PDB file of N, CA and C in Angstrom:
ATOM      1  N   MET A   1     109.922 125.256 120.796  1.00  0.00           N
ATOM      2  CA  MET A   1     110.259 126.147 121.888  1.00  0.00           C
ATOM      3  C   MET A   1     111.704 125.867 122.295  1.00  0.00           C
ATOM      4  N   SER A   2     112.465 126.895 122.486  1.00  0.00           N
ATOM      5  CA  SER A   2     113.839 126.726 122.948  1.00  0.00           C
ATOM      6  C   SER A   2     114.042 127.562 124.207  1.00  0.00           C
ATOM      7  N   PHE A   3     115.061 127.199 124.947  1.00  0.00           N
ATOM      8  CA  PHE A   3     115.368 127.946 126.161  1.00  0.00           C
ATOM      9  C   PHE A   3     116.871 128.034 126.297  1.00  0.00           C
ATOM     10  N   GLN A   4     117.311 128.971 127.089  1.00  0.00           N
ATOM     11  CA  GLN A   4     118.734 129.119 127.328  1.00  0.00           C
ATOM     12  C   GLN A   4     119.050 128.588 128.713  1.00  0.00           C
ATOM     13  N   GLY A   5     120.272 128.149 128.901  1.00  0.00           N
ATOM     14  CA  GLY A   5     120.664 127.638 130.207  1.00  0.00           C
ATOM     15  C   GLY A   5     120.386 126.154 130.341  1.00  0.00           C
ATOM     16  N   ARG A   6     120.275 125.728 131.564  1.00  0.00           N
ATOM     17  CA  ARG A   6     120.077 124.318 131.869  1.00  0.00           C
ATOM     18  C   ARG A   6     118.623 123.899 131.670  1.00  0.00           C
ATOM     19  N   PRO A   7     118.389 122.701 131.096  1.00  0.00           N
ATOM     20  CA  PRO A   7     117.001 122.251 130.954  1.00  0.00           C
ATOM     21  C   PRO A   7     116.376 121.989 132.322  1.00  0.00           C
ATOM     22  N   PRO A   8     115.046 122.016 132.407  1.00  0.00           N
ATOM     23  CA  PRO A   8     114.390 121.749 133.692  1.00  0.00           C
ATOM     24  C   PRO A   8     114.667 120.324 134.169  1.00  0.00           C
ATOM     25  N   ALA A   9     114.662 120.148 135.469  1.00  0.00           N
ATOM     26  CA  ALA A   9     114.932 118.835 136.057  1.00  0.00           C
ATOM     27  C   ALA A   9     113.828 117.852 135.706  1.00  0.00           C
ATOM     28  N   ARG A  10     114.220 116.599 135.512  1.00  0.00           N
ATOM     29  CA  ARG A  10     113.251 115.522 135.304  1.00  0.00           C
ATOM     30  C   ARG A  10     113.269 114.642 136.538  1.00  0.00           C
ATOM     31  N   TRP A  11     112.384 114.923 137.472  1.00  0.00           N
ATOM     32  CA  TRP A  11     112.289 114.131 138.690  1.00  0.00           C
ATOM     33  C   TRP A  11     111.620 112.809 138.350  1.00  0.00           C
ATOM     34  N   ARG A  12     112.181 111.717 138.863  1.00  0.00           N
ATOM     35  CA  ARG A  12     111.632 110.382 138.610  1.00  0.00           C
ATOM     36  C   ARG A  12     111.316 109.704 139.932  1.00  0.00           C
ATOM     37  N   ARG A  13     110.276 108.887 139.916  1.00  0.00           N
ATOM     38  CA  ARG A  13     109.929 108.112 141.101  1.00  0.00           C
ATOM     39  C   ARG A  13     109.698 106.665 140.692  1.00  0.00           C
ATOM     40  N   SER A  14     109.804 105.792 141.639  1.00  0.00           N
ATOM     41  CA  SER A  14     109.620 104.377 141.390  1.00  0.00           C
ATOM     42  C   SER A  14     108.200 104.084 140.929  1.00  0.00           C
ATOM     43  N   ALA A  15     108.073 103.132 140.027  1.00  0.00           N
ATOM     44  CA  ALA A  15     106.747 102.681 139.595  1.00  0.00           C
ATOM     45  C   ALA A  15     106.003 102.023 140.749  1.00  0.00           C
ATOM     46  N   ARG A  16     106.713 101.592 141.773  1.00  0.00           N
ATOM     47  CA  ARG A  16     106.093 100.951 142.933  1.00  0.00           C
ATOM     48  C   ARG A  16     105.351 101.939 143.827  1.00  0.00           C
ATOM     49  N   CYS A  17     105.528 103.220 143.596  1.00  0.00           N
ATOM     50  CA  CYS A  17     104.840 104.225 144.403  1.00  0.00           C
ATOM     51  C   CYS A  17     103.342 104.203 144.173  1.00  0.00           C
ATOM     52  N   GLY A  18     102.929 103.840 143.000  1.00  0.00           N
ATOM     53  CA  GLY A  18     101.506 103.842 142.693  1.00  0.00           C
ATOM     54  C   GLY A  18     100.950 105.253 142.687  1.00  0.00           C
ATOM     55  N   ALA A  19      99.725 105.396 143.145  1.00  0.00           N
ATOM     56  CA  ALA A  19      99.056 106.696 143.117  1.00  0.00           C
ATOM     57  C   ALA A  19      99.325 107.524 144.366  1.00  0.00           C
ATOM     58  N   THR A  20     100.010 106.950 145.344  1.00  0.00           N
ATOM     59  CA  THR A  20     100.257 107.690 146.579  1.00  0.00           C
ATOM     60  C   THR A  20     101.305 108.767 146.360  1.00  0.00           C
ATOM     61  N   ASN A  21     101.341 109.704 147.275  1.00  0.00           N
ATOM     62  CA  ASN A  21     102.310 110.788 147.171  1.00  0.00           C
ATOM     63  C   ASN A  21     103.410 110.647 148.221  1.00  0.00           C
ATOM     64  N   GLY A  22     103.488 109.511 148.886  1.00  0.00           N
ATOM     65  CA  GLY A  22     104.494 109.309 149.919  1.00  0.00           C
ATOM     66  C   GLY A  22     105.722 108.601 149.384  1.00  0.00           C
ATOM     67  N   CYS A  23     106.339 109.184 148.393  1.00  0.00           N
ATOM     68  CA  CYS A  23     107.487 108.548 147.736  1.00  0.00           C
ATOM     69  C   CYS A  23     108.701 109.474 147.735  1.00  0.00           C
ATOM     70  N   VAL A  24     109.776 108.936 147.245  1.00  0.00           N
ATOM     71  CA  VAL A  24     111.007 109.696 147.064  1.00  0.00           C
ATOM     72  C   VAL A  24     111.256 109.789 145.566  1.00  0.00           C
ATOM     73  N   GLU A  25     111.698 110.954 145.122  1.00  0.00           N
ATOM     74  CA  GLU A  25     112.023 111.158 143.716  1.00  0.00           C
ATOM     75  C   GLU A  25     113.502 111.495 143.577  1.00  0.00           C
ATOM     76  N   VAL A  26     114.074 111.147 142.438  1.00  0.00           N
ATOM     77  CA  VAL A  26     115.469 111.465 142.164  1.00  0.00           C
ATOM     78  C   VAL A  26     115.580 112.232 140.855  1.00  0.00           C
ATOM     79  N   ALA A  27     116.597 113.076 140.767  1.00  0.00           N
ATOM     80  CA  ALA A  27     116.863 113.827 139.540  1.00  0.00           C
ATOM     81  C   ALA A  27     118.344 114.162 139.488  1.00  0.00           C
ATOM     82  N   ARG A  28     118.815 114.387 138.311  1.00  0.00           N
ATOM     83  CA  ARG A  28     120.193 114.840 138.127  1.00  0.00           C
ATOM     84  C   ARG A  28     120.138 116.336 137.844  1.00  0.00           C
ATOM     85  N   LEU A  29     120.334 117.125 138.894  1.00  0.00           N
ATOM     86  CA  LEU A  29     120.276 118.580 138.756  1.00  0.00           C
ATOM     87  C   LEU A  29     121.636 119.176 138.421  1.00  0.00           C
ATOM     88  N   ASP A  30     122.668 118.378 138.595  1.00  0.00           N
ATOM     89  CA  ASP A  30     124.042 118.821 138.422  1.00  0.00           C
ATOM     90  C   ASP A  30     124.799 117.661 137.775  1.00  0.00           C
ATOM     91  N   VAL A  31     125.800 117.958 136.977  1.00  0.00           N
ATOM     92  CA  VAL A  31     126.533 116.883 136.303  1.00  0.00           C
ATOM     93  C   VAL A  31     127.291 115.983 137.275  1.00  0.00           C
ATOM     94  N   SER A  32     127.568 116.478 138.477  1.00  0.00           N
ATOM     95  CA  SER A  32     128.354 115.696 139.423  1.00  0.00           C
ATOM     96  C   SER A  32     127.567 115.238 140.646  1.00  0.00           C
ATOM     97  N   ALA A  33     126.224 115.306 140.582  1.00  0.00           N
ATOM     98  CA  ALA A  33     125.442 114.939 141.762  1.00  0.00           C
ATOM     99  C   ALA A  33     124.059 114.417 141.378  1.00  0.00           C
ATOM    100  N   ILE A  34     123.510 113.615 142.272  1.00  0.00           N
ATOM    101  CA  ILE A  34     122.134 113.134 142.178  1.00  0.00           C
ATOM    102  C   ILE A  34     121.359 113.783 143.316  1.00  0.00           C
ATOM    103  N   SER A  35     120.195 114.314 143.017  1.00  0.00           N
ATOM    104  CA  SER A  35     119.368 114.960 144.037  1.00  0.00           C
ATOM    105  C   SER A  35     118.170 114.078 144.365  1.00  0.00           C
ATOM    106  N   VAL A  36     117.759 114.135 145.623  1.00  0.00           N
ATOM    107  CA  VAL A  36     116.657 113.321 146.122  1.00  0.00           C
ATOM    108  C   VAL A  36     115.702 114.241 146.876  1.00  0.00           C
ATOM    109  N   ARG A  37     114.391 114.032 146.683  1.00  0.00           N
ATOM    110  CA  ARG A  37     113.403 114.822 147.407  1.00  0.00           C
ATOM    111  C   ARG A  37     112.207 113.948 147.781  1.00  0.00           C
ATOM    112  N   ASP A  38     111.474 114.397 148.762  1.00  0.00           N
ATOM    113  CA  ASP A  38     110.252 113.749 149.216  1.00  0.00           C
ATOM    114  C   ASP A  38     109.093 114.344 148.424  1.00  0.00           C
ATOM    115  N   THR A  39     108.217 113.505 147.897  1.00  0.00           N
ATOM    116  CA  THR A  39     107.104 114.024 147.096  1.00  0.00           C
ATOM    117  C   THR A  39     106.130 114.848 147.917  1.00  0.00           C
ATOM    118  N   GLU A  40     106.183 114.710 149.229  1.00  0.00           N
ATOM    119  CA  GLU A  40     105.283 115.494 150.071  1.00  0.00           C
ATOM    120  C   GLU A  40     105.857 116.871 150.395  1.00  0.00           C
ATOM    121  N   ASP A  41     107.133 117.094 150.097  1.00  0.00           N
ATOM    122  CA  ASP A  41     107.768 118.402 150.316  1.00  0.00           C
ATOM    123  C   ASP A  41     108.783 118.631 149.206  1.00  0.00           C
ATOM    124  N   ILE A  42     108.309 119.076 148.061  1.00  0.00           N
ATOM    125  CA  ILE A  42     109.174 119.192 146.885  1.00  0.00           C
ATOM    126  C   ILE A  42     110.035 120.453 146.883  1.00  0.00           C
ATOM    127  N   THR A  43     109.920 121.274 147.920  1.00  0.00           N
ATOM    128  CA  THR A  43     110.705 122.509 147.953  1.00  0.00           C
ATOM    129  C   THR A  43     112.149 122.267 148.372  1.00  0.00           C
ATOM    130  N   ASP A  44     112.419 121.186 149.091  1.00  0.00           N
ATOM    131  CA  ASP A  44     113.773 120.882 149.552  1.00  0.00           C
ATOM    132  C   ASP A  44     114.271 119.594 148.905  1.00  0.00           C
ATOM    133  N   HIS A  45     115.577 119.510 148.730  1.00  0.00           N
ATOM    134  CA  HIS A  45     116.164 118.269 148.243  1.00  0.00           C
ATOM    135  C   HIS A  45     117.565 118.106 148.812  1.00  0.00           C
ATOM    136  N   LEU A  46     118.032 116.879 148.819  1.00  0.00           N
ATOM    137  CA  LEU A  46     119.388 116.543 149.224  1.00  0.00           C
ATOM    138  C   LEU A  46     120.166 116.162 147.984  1.00  0.00           C
ATOM    139  N   SER A  47     121.454 116.480 147.949  1.00  0.00           N
ATOM    140  CA  SER A  47     122.293 116.110 146.820  1.00  0.00           C
ATOM    141  C   SER A  47     123.424 115.210 147.288  1.00  0.00           C
ATOM    142  N   PHE A  48     123.730 114.225 146.461  1.00  0.00           N
ATOM    143  CA  PHE A  48     124.783 113.260 146.758  1.00  0.00           C
ATOM    144  C   PHE A  48     125.727 113.171 145.575  1.00  0.00           C
ATOM    145  N   GLY A  49     127.018 113.052 145.867  1.00  0.00           N
ATOM    146  CA  GLY A  49     128.005 112.856 144.812  1.00  0.00           C
ATOM    147  C   GLY A  49     127.753 111.533 144.101  1.00  0.00           C
ATOM    148  N   LEU A  50     128.259 111.417 142.884  1.00  0.00           N
ATOM    149  CA  LEU A  50     127.999 110.209 142.103  1.00  0.00           C
ATOM    150  C   LEU A  50     128.549 108.955 142.776  1.00  0.00           C
ATOM    151  N   GLY A  51     129.715 109.055 143.409  1.00  0.00           N
ATOM    152  CA  GLY A  51     130.281 107.905 144.122  1.00  0.00           C
ATOM    153  C   GLY A  51     129.410 107.488 145.294  1.00  0.00           C
ATOM    154  N   GLU A  52     128.916 108.475 146.039  1.00  0.00           N
ATOM    155  CA  GLU A  52     128.019 108.191 147.170  1.00  0.00           C
ATOM    156  C   GLU A  52     126.743 107.520 146.679  1.00  0.00           C
ATOM    157  N   TRP A  53     126.203 108.014 145.575  1.00  0.00           N
ATOM    158  CA  TRP A  53     124.958 107.463 145.036  1.00  0.00           C
ATOM    159  C   TRP A  53     125.168 106.018 144.571  1.00  0.00           C
ATOM    160  N   ARG A  54     126.267 105.776 143.866  1.00  0.00           N
ATOM    161  CA  ARG A  54     126.563 104.405 143.408  1.00  0.00           C
ATOM    162  C   ARG A  54     126.673 103.448 144.578  1.00  0.00           C
ATOM    163  N   LYS A  55     127.363 103.860 145.635  1.00  0.00           N
ATOM    164  CA  LYS A  55     127.512 103.028 146.829  1.00  0.00           C
ATOM    165  C   LYS A  55     126.161 102.748 147.472  1.00  0.00           C
ATOM    166  N   PHE A  56     125.306 103.755 147.570  1.00  0.00           N
ATOM    167  CA  PHE A  56     123.966 103.572 148.128  1.00  0.00           C
ATOM    168  C   PHE A  56     123.179 102.555 147.309  1.00  0.00           C
ATOM    169  N   ILE A  57     123.197 102.701 145.986  1.00  0.00           N
ATOM    170  CA  ILE A  57     122.452 101.778 145.118  1.00  0.00           C
ATOM    171  C   ILE A  57     122.993 100.355 145.265  1.00  0.00           C
ATOM    172  N   GLU A  58     124.305 100.185 145.286  1.00  0.00           N
ATOM    173  CA  GLU A  58     124.901  98.853 145.476  1.00  0.00           C
ATOM    174  C   GLU A  58     124.456  98.243 146.801  1.00  0.00           C
ATOM    175  N   ASP A  59     124.520  99.022 147.871  1.00  0.00           N
ATOM    176  CA  ASP A  59     124.118  98.523 149.189  1.00  0.00           C
ATOM    177  C   ASP A  59     122.636  98.164 149.221  1.00  0.00           C
ATOM    178  N   ALA A  60     121.800  98.974 148.573  1.00  0.00           N
ATOM    179  CA  ALA A  60     120.365  98.686 148.534  1.00  0.00           C
ATOM    180  C   ALA A  60     120.106  97.384 147.774  1.00  0.00           C
ATOM    181  N   LYS A  61     120.781  97.200 146.651  1.00  0.00           N
ATOM    182  CA  LYS A  61     120.612  95.971 145.873  1.00  0.00           C
ATOM    183  C   LYS A  61     121.095  94.750 146.633  1.00  0.00           C
ATOM    184  N   ASP A  62     122.120  94.925 147.454  1.00  0.00           N
ATOM    185  CA  ASP A  62     122.653  93.821 148.263  1.00  0.00           C
ATOM    186  C   ASP A  62     121.822  93.547 149.507  1.00  0.00           C
ATOM    187  N   GLY A  63     120.784  94.343 149.750  1.00  0.00           N
ATOM    188  CA  GLY A  63     119.908  94.112 150.900  1.00  0.00           C
ATOM    189  C   GLY A  63     120.409  94.678 152.210  1.00  0.00           C
ATOM    190  N   ARG A  64     121.393  95.550 152.139  1.00  0.00           N
ATOM    191  CA  ARG A  64     121.983  96.094 153.358  1.00  0.00           C
ATOM    192  C   ARG A  64     120.991  96.875 154.218  1.00  0.00           C
ATOM    193  N   PHE A  65     119.963  97.440 153.605  1.00  0.00           N
ATOM    194  CA  PHE A  65     118.999  98.241 154.363  1.00  0.00           C
ATOM    195  C   PHE A  65     117.705  97.493 154.665  1.00  0.00           C
ATOM    196  N   ASP A  66     117.636  96.228 154.264  1.00  0.00           N
ATOM    197  CA  ASP A  66     116.442  95.439 154.541  1.00  0.00           C
ATOM    198  C   ASP A  66     116.260  95.256 156.042  1.00  0.00           C
ATOM    199  N   GLN A  67     115.031  95.345 156.462  1.00  0.00           N
ATOM    200  CA  GLN A  67     114.734  95.146 157.880  1.00  0.00           C
ATOM    201  C   GLN A  67     114.405  93.683 158.109  1.00  0.00           C
ATOM    202  N   SER A  68     114.890  93.159 159.214  1.00  0.00           N
ATOM    203  CA  SER A  68     114.665  91.748 159.514  1.00  0.00           C
ATOM    204  C   SER A  68     113.318  91.519 160.150  1.00  0.00           C
TER     205      SER A  68
END
């Protein structure tokens, strides 16, 4: 099967989500952005530039968003 245009989005979620539907998914819908959506409302999504996304991931890995 072939199609024209852009391939369908591949939304991914963390393996830590388990069977619940209360997770966040990410996909690359555009070459210059990462999109994020809530699995409980898949009709809307937010998009972030690649630099913004990299900074978010770095901060998350550094524990910047950890709650005390």
